[in-house]
Amino acid sequence: MRISEFQKLIEEVYGSRDRARGLAGTHMWFSEECGELTRALRRNKGTDRDRAELEGEFADVLAWLTTMASIAGIDLEQAARNKYGDGCPRCSATPCTC
């Protein structure tokens, strides 16, 4: 799935509720999800169960990030392409040579 497809899906599923909550309220949920990801990373021992938990937490963080971009009117795929499409934003090399 492309980033733009994921952003559209998240908008369709949660868009009206997220817009009603606003960017500040949505950012608080995003921050909470980042905390959950941090805890999962700390607990990770490399088991299949840990991997499944990490996948879920990474997906949640991505979904909330996508929601905030949508509320702000940002096409996340285009933003990523604009900033990182030529490699490192600072030196333009891949891999980075900075």
Protein backbone atom coordinates (compact mmCIF):
# COMPACT_ATOMS: atom_id res chain seq x y z
CA MET A 1 0.00 0.00 0.00
CA ARG A 2 1.33 3.43 -0.91
CA ILE A 3 1.43 6.19 1.69
CA SER A 4 -1.24 8.12 -0.22
CA GLU A 5 -3.54 5.08 -0.23
CA PHE A 6 -3.05 4.61 3.50
CA GLN A 7 -3.72 8.30 4.15
CA LYS A 8 -6.94 8.10 2.14
CA LEU A 9 -8.03 4.95 3.99
CA ILE A 10 -7.39 6.50 7.40
CA GLU A 11 -9.31 9.63 6.34
CA GLU A 12 -12.27 7.50 5.25
CA VAL A 13 -12.28 5.44 8.45
CA TYR A 14 -11.55 8.14 11.05
CA GLY A 15 -11.51 11.51 9.26
CA SER A 16 -14.67 13.13 10.57
CA ARG A 17 -13.96 12.15 14.18
CA ASP A 18 -10.33 13.26 13.92
CA ARG A 19 -11.21 16.62 12.37
CA ALA A 20 -13.76 17.21 15.14
CA ARG A 21 -11.06 16.46 17.75
CA GLY A 22 -8.71 18.91 16.04
CA LEU A 23 -4.98 18.89 15.54
CA ALA A 24 -4.05 19.53 19.19
CA GLY A 25 -6.30 16.77 20.51
CA THR A 26 -5.15 14.37 17.83
CA HIS A 27 -1.54 15.17 18.63
CA MET A 28 -2.16 14.09 22.23
CA TRP A 29 -3.39 10.69 20.96
CA PHE A 30 -0.36 10.47 18.66
CA SER A 31 1.95 11.18 21.59
CA GLU A 32 0.28 8.47 23.65
CA GLU A 33 0.79 5.99 20.80
CA CYS A 34 4.47 6.98 20.59
CA GLY A 35 4.73 6.16 24.29
CA GLU A 36 3.14 2.76 23.69
CA LEU A 37 5.64 2.09 20.91
CA THR A 38 8.49 3.09 23.21
CA ARG A 39 7.32 0.66 25.88
CA ALA A 40 6.98 -2.13 23.31
CA LEU A 41 10.51 -1.46 22.04
CA ARG A 42 11.87 -1.64 25.57
CA ARG A 43 10.10 -4.96 26.23
CA ASN A 44 11.08 -6.50 22.90
CA LYS A 45 12.98 -9.78 23.35
CA GLY A 46 12.72 -10.84 19.71
CA THR A 47 9.85 -13.32 20.04
CA ASP A 48 7.04 -13.66 17.51
CA ARG A 49 4.67 -12.19 20.09
CA ASP A 50 6.98 -9.19 20.54
CA ARG A 51 7.17 -8.74 16.76
CA ALA A 52 3.37 -8.75 16.47
CA GLU A 53 3.13 -6.16 19.26
CA LEU A 54 5.75 -3.97 17.58
CA GLU A 55 3.98 -4.21 14.22
CA GLY A 56 0.75 -3.09 15.83
CA GLU A 57 2.37 -0.18 17.64
CA PHE A 58 4.26 0.99 14.54
CA ALA A 59 1.00 0.83 12.56
CA ASP A 60 -0.82 2.85 15.23
CA VAL A 61 1.88 5.55 15.23
CA LEU A 62 1.75 5.70 11.43
CA ALA A 63 -2.05 5.98 11.47
CA TRP A 64 -2.04 8.85 13.97
CA LEU A 65 0.77 10.63 12.10
CA THR A 66 -1.23 10.25 8.89
CA THR A 67 -4.32 11.64 10.60
CA MET A 68 -2.45 14.72 11.78
CA ALA A 69 -1.09 15.31 8.27
CA SER A 70 -4.61 15.08 6.86
CA ILE A 71 -6.00 17.53 9.41
CA ALA A 72 -3.15 19.92 8.55
CA GLY A 73 -3.84 19.55 4.82
CA ILE A 74 -0.53 17.80 4.13
CA ASP A 75 -0.18 15.06 1.53
CA LEU A 76 2.20 12.85 3.49
CA GLU A 77 3.51 10.97 0.45
CA GLN A 78 4.31 14.20 -1.38
CA ALA A 79 5.92 15.69 1.73
CA ALA A 80 8.17 12.63 2.10
CA ARG A 81 9.05 12.72 -1.60
CA ASN A 82 9.84 16.45 -1.46
CA LYS A 83 12.12 16.09 1.56
CA TYR A 84 13.75 12.67 1.01
CA GLY A 85 13.22 11.91 -2.68
CA ASP A 86 16.81 12.80 -3.58
CA GLY A 87 18.37 11.05 -0.58
CA CYS A 88 19.64 12.84 2.49
CA PRO A 89 18.05 16.32 2.63
CA ARG A 90 21.38 17.81 3.66
CA CYS A 91 23.95 16.17 1.35
CA SER A 92 21.61 14.54 -1.24
CA ALA A 93 23.60 11.32 -0.99
CA THR A 94 22.31 7.78 -0.56
CA PRO A 95 23.60 6.57 1.79
CA CYS A 96 24.09 9.82 3.68
CA THR A 97 27.66 11.11 3.74
CA CYS A 98 27.12 14.00 6.16
